[in-house]
Amino acid sequence: MKRYLKLLFIFLVLIALDIISKNLVYQNITKMSWMHPFYPYGGIGIFKDFLGISFSINHVENVGAAWGLFSKYPALLFSIRIVIVIGLITYLIFFNKDVRKDVPLILIITGAFGNILDFIFYKKVIDMFHFNFWGFSYPIFNLADVMITLGIIWLFFTFLKRSKRQNS
């Protein structure tokens, strides 16, 4: 039970940060458009041309998944996200015996849930972090996307480490 209380605490802190960050951007930053073609693109510039990298906080609304994929199917995407979250929660509570997978799983669950909440509140996902790497504009993302990505990478290395131990 103590294990799940820790995970619930992590979930609540991270979901609050995600909600607050998206709400601040939604309420205070003009939506990015073609009318703002130069850095910081209508947003807030954090740094420009630091070793060729620029970073700004912008307001972008996305009805699709990462990089706008499946943007023509927002209802289907919403349903898939719900199924994934329910599946991951079920796995975490009833089937996961490896505590090393708890935090990465809760990161993925929290990130997906944060994007579900966006769809409920805004009918789209609010993205904000915009990097430019040596003239290449990286797709804009949000804190929920960071959580999902970190959780997946963490799980990958957890599986990799476990399989190395089993092969030794």
Protein backbone atom coordinates (compact mmCIF):
# COMPACT_ATOMS: atom_id res chain seq x y z
CA MET A 1 0.00 0.00 0.00
CA LYS A 2 2.87 2.38 0.84
CA ARG A 3 4.29 1.71 -2.63
CA TYR A 4 1.08 2.92 -4.29
CA LEU A 5 0.82 5.98 -2.05
CA LYS A 6 4.27 7.08 -3.25
CA LEU A 7 3.21 6.54 -6.85
CA LEU A 8 -0.02 8.46 -6.26
CA PHE A 9 1.99 11.33 -4.79
CA ILE A 10 4.30 11.38 -7.83
CA PHE A 11 1.27 11.28 -10.12
CA LEU A 12 -0.48 14.17 -8.33
CA VAL A 13 2.62 16.39 -8.29
CA LEU A 14 3.41 15.77 -11.95
CA ILE A 15 -0.18 16.12 -13.17
CA ALA A 16 -0.46 19.41 -11.27
CA LEU A 17 2.73 20.71 -12.93
CA ASP A 18 1.41 19.67 -16.33
CA ILE A 19 -2.00 21.29 -15.79
CA ILE A 20 -0.49 24.50 -14.43
CA SER A 21 2.08 24.83 -17.22
CA LYS A 22 -0.52 24.30 -19.94
CA ASN A 23 -3.01 26.66 -18.33
CA LEU A 24 -0.37 29.40 -17.97
CA VAL A 25 0.54 29.08 -21.64
CA TYR A 26 -3.10 28.89 -22.76
CA GLN A 27 -4.07 31.98 -20.75
CA ASN A 28 -0.98 34.15 -21.25
CA ILE A 29 0.76 33.45 -24.55
CA THR A 30 -0.66 34.27 -27.97
CA LYS A 31 -1.13 31.24 -30.17
CA MET A 32 1.82 30.74 -32.51
CA SER A 33 1.05 31.65 -36.13
CA TRP A 34 2.63 32.49 -39.46
CA MET A 35 2.47 36.16 -38.40
CA HIS A 36 5.39 35.49 -36.02
CA PRO A 37 8.02 33.99 -38.36
CA PHE A 38 11.09 34.90 -36.27
CA TYR A 39 12.38 33.89 -32.85
CA PRO A 40 10.63 33.74 -30.36
CA TYR A 41 7.72 33.13 -32.78
CA GLY A 42 5.18 35.08 -30.75
CA GLY A 43 6.19 33.34 -27.53
CA ILE A 44 8.70 33.99 -24.79
CA GLY A 45 12.35 33.65 -25.76
CA ILE A 46 14.42 31.75 -23.20
CA PHE A 47 17.73 31.67 -25.08
CA LYS A 48 18.79 32.26 -28.66
CA ASP A 49 21.72 30.78 -30.55
CA PHE A 50 23.46 29.14 -27.62
CA LEU A 51 25.88 26.90 -29.54
CA GLY A 52 23.38 27.02 -32.40
CA ILE A 53 20.39 26.11 -30.23
CA SER A 54 17.42 28.38 -29.50
CA PHE A 55 14.58 27.74 -27.05
CA SER A 56 11.29 29.51 -26.55
CA ILE A 57 7.97 28.95 -24.82
CA ASN A 58 5.18 29.12 -27.37
CA HIS A 59 1.47 28.38 -27.51
CA VAL A 60 0.60 25.67 -30.01
CA GLU A 61 -2.59 23.63 -30.10
CA ASN A 62 -2.43 20.08 -31.42
CA VAL A 63 -5.42 17.82 -32.07
CA GLY A 64 -3.18 14.90 -33.02
CA ALA A 65 -0.53 12.85 -31.30
CA ALA A 66 3.20 13.59 -31.38
CA TRP A 67 4.16 15.82 -34.33
CA GLY A 68 0.47 16.18 -35.22
CA LEU A 69 0.12 12.54 -36.26
CA PHE A 70 -3.47 11.29 -36.59
CA SER A 71 -4.82 14.86 -36.31
CA LYS A 72 -7.78 13.89 -38.50
CA TYR A 73 -8.87 11.34 -35.88
CA PRO A 74 -8.97 13.16 -32.52
CA ALA A 75 -11.87 11.11 -31.10
CA LEU A 76 -10.13 7.84 -31.97
CA LEU A 77 -6.87 9.14 -30.51
CA PHE A 78 -8.69 10.18 -27.33
CA SER A 79 -10.18 6.67 -27.02
CA ILE A 80 -6.81 5.01 -27.63
CA ARG A 81 -5.20 7.19 -24.93
CA ILE A 82 -7.90 6.17 -22.44
CA VAL A 83 -7.45 2.47 -23.25
CA ILE A 84 -3.67 2.79 -22.87
CA VAL A 85 -3.95 4.56 -19.51
CA ILE A 86 -6.44 2.00 -18.18
CA GLY A 87 -4.21 -0.83 -19.43
CA LEU A 88 -1.08 0.65 -17.85
CA ILE A 89 -2.83 1.30 -14.53
CA THR A 90 -4.17 -2.27 -14.53
CA TYR A 91 -0.70 -3.63 -15.28
CA LEU A 92 0.93 -1.44 -12.63
CA ILE A 93 -1.50 -2.43 -9.87
CA PHE A 94 -2.21 -6.09 -10.62
CA PHE A 95 0.66 -7.50 -12.66
CA ASN A 96 3.86 -5.50 -12.14
CA LYS A 97 6.04 -7.22 -9.58
CA ASP A 98 9.21 -5.29 -10.47
CA VAL A 99 9.32 -2.08 -8.43
CA ARG A 100 12.00 -0.71 -10.80
CA LYS A 101 9.23 -0.28 -13.38
CA ASP A 102 6.93 1.69 -11.05
CA VAL A 103 8.30 5.19 -11.67
CA PRO A 104 8.67 4.89 -15.44
CA LEU A 105 5.16 3.47 -15.68
CA ILE A 106 3.73 6.28 -13.56
CA LEU A 107 5.55 8.80 -15.77
CA ILE A 108 3.91 7.34 -18.88
CA ILE A 109 0.49 7.14 -17.20
CA THR A 110 0.73 10.73 -15.94
CA GLY A 111 1.82 12.09 -19.31
CA ALA A 112 -0.94 10.28 -21.19
CA PHE A 113 -3.50 11.35 -18.58
CA GLY A 114 -2.32 14.96 -18.88
CA ASN A 115 -2.94 14.89 -22.62
CA ILE A 116 -6.35 13.28 -22.03
CA LEU A 117 -7.23 16.15 -19.69
CA ASP A 118 -6.20 18.63 -22.38
CA PHE A 119 -8.61 17.05 -24.81
CA ILE A 120 -11.38 17.22 -22.21
CA PHE A 121 -10.70 20.86 -21.22
CA TYR A 122 -9.46 22.40 -24.49
CA LYS A 123 -10.53 19.89 -27.19
CA LYS A 124 -6.84 19.78 -28.18
CA VAL A 125 -3.44 19.31 -26.57
CA ILE A 126 -1.53 22.43 -25.53
CA ASP A 127 2.15 22.29 -26.51
CA MET A 128 4.75 24.86 -25.51
CA PHE A 129 8.44 23.89 -25.57
CA HIS A 130 10.03 24.93 -28.85
CA PHE A 131 13.65 24.12 -29.66
CA ASN A 132 15.55 25.11 -32.76
CA PHE A 133 18.66 22.99 -33.34
CA TRP A 134 21.07 24.58 -35.83
CA GLY A 135 18.21 25.94 -37.95
CA PHE A 136 16.00 22.85 -37.61
CA SER A 137 12.74 23.54 -35.75
CA TYR A 138 12.10 20.54 -33.49
CA PRO A 139 8.38 19.69 -33.09
CA ILE A 140 6.86 21.61 -30.18
CA PHE A 141 5.97 19.52 -27.13
CA ASN A 142 4.71 19.79 -23.54
CA LEU A 143 5.56 18.47 -20.08
CA ALA A 144 3.27 15.44 -20.54
CA ASP A 145 5.24 14.48 -23.65
CA VAL A 146 8.47 14.77 -21.66
CA MET A 147 7.06 12.44 -19.00
CA ILE A 148 5.99 9.86 -21.58
CA THR A 149 9.37 10.00 -23.33
CA LEU A 150 11.37 9.73 -20.10
CA GLY A 151 9.17 6.86 -18.92
CA ILE A 152 9.68 4.93 -22.16
CA ILE A 153 13.46 5.52 -22.14
CA TRP A 154 13.64 4.49 -18.47
CA LEU A 155 11.66 1.30 -19.16
CA PHE A 156 13.90 0.52 -22.12
CA PHE A 157 17.04 0.76 -19.98
CA THR A 158 15.36 -1.24 -17.20
CA PHE A 159 14.61 -4.06 -19.66
CA LEU A 160 18.09 -3.78 -21.19
CA LYS A 161 19.76 -4.02 -17.78
CA ARG A 162 17.57 -6.98 -16.80
CA SER A 163 18.29 -8.86 -20.01
CA LYS A 164 22.06 -8.27 -19.58
CA ARG A 165 21.85 -9.78 -16.10
CA GLN A 166 19.91 -12.78 -17.36
CA ASN A 167 22.45 -13.38 -20.15
CA SER A 168 25.42 -13.19 -17.75
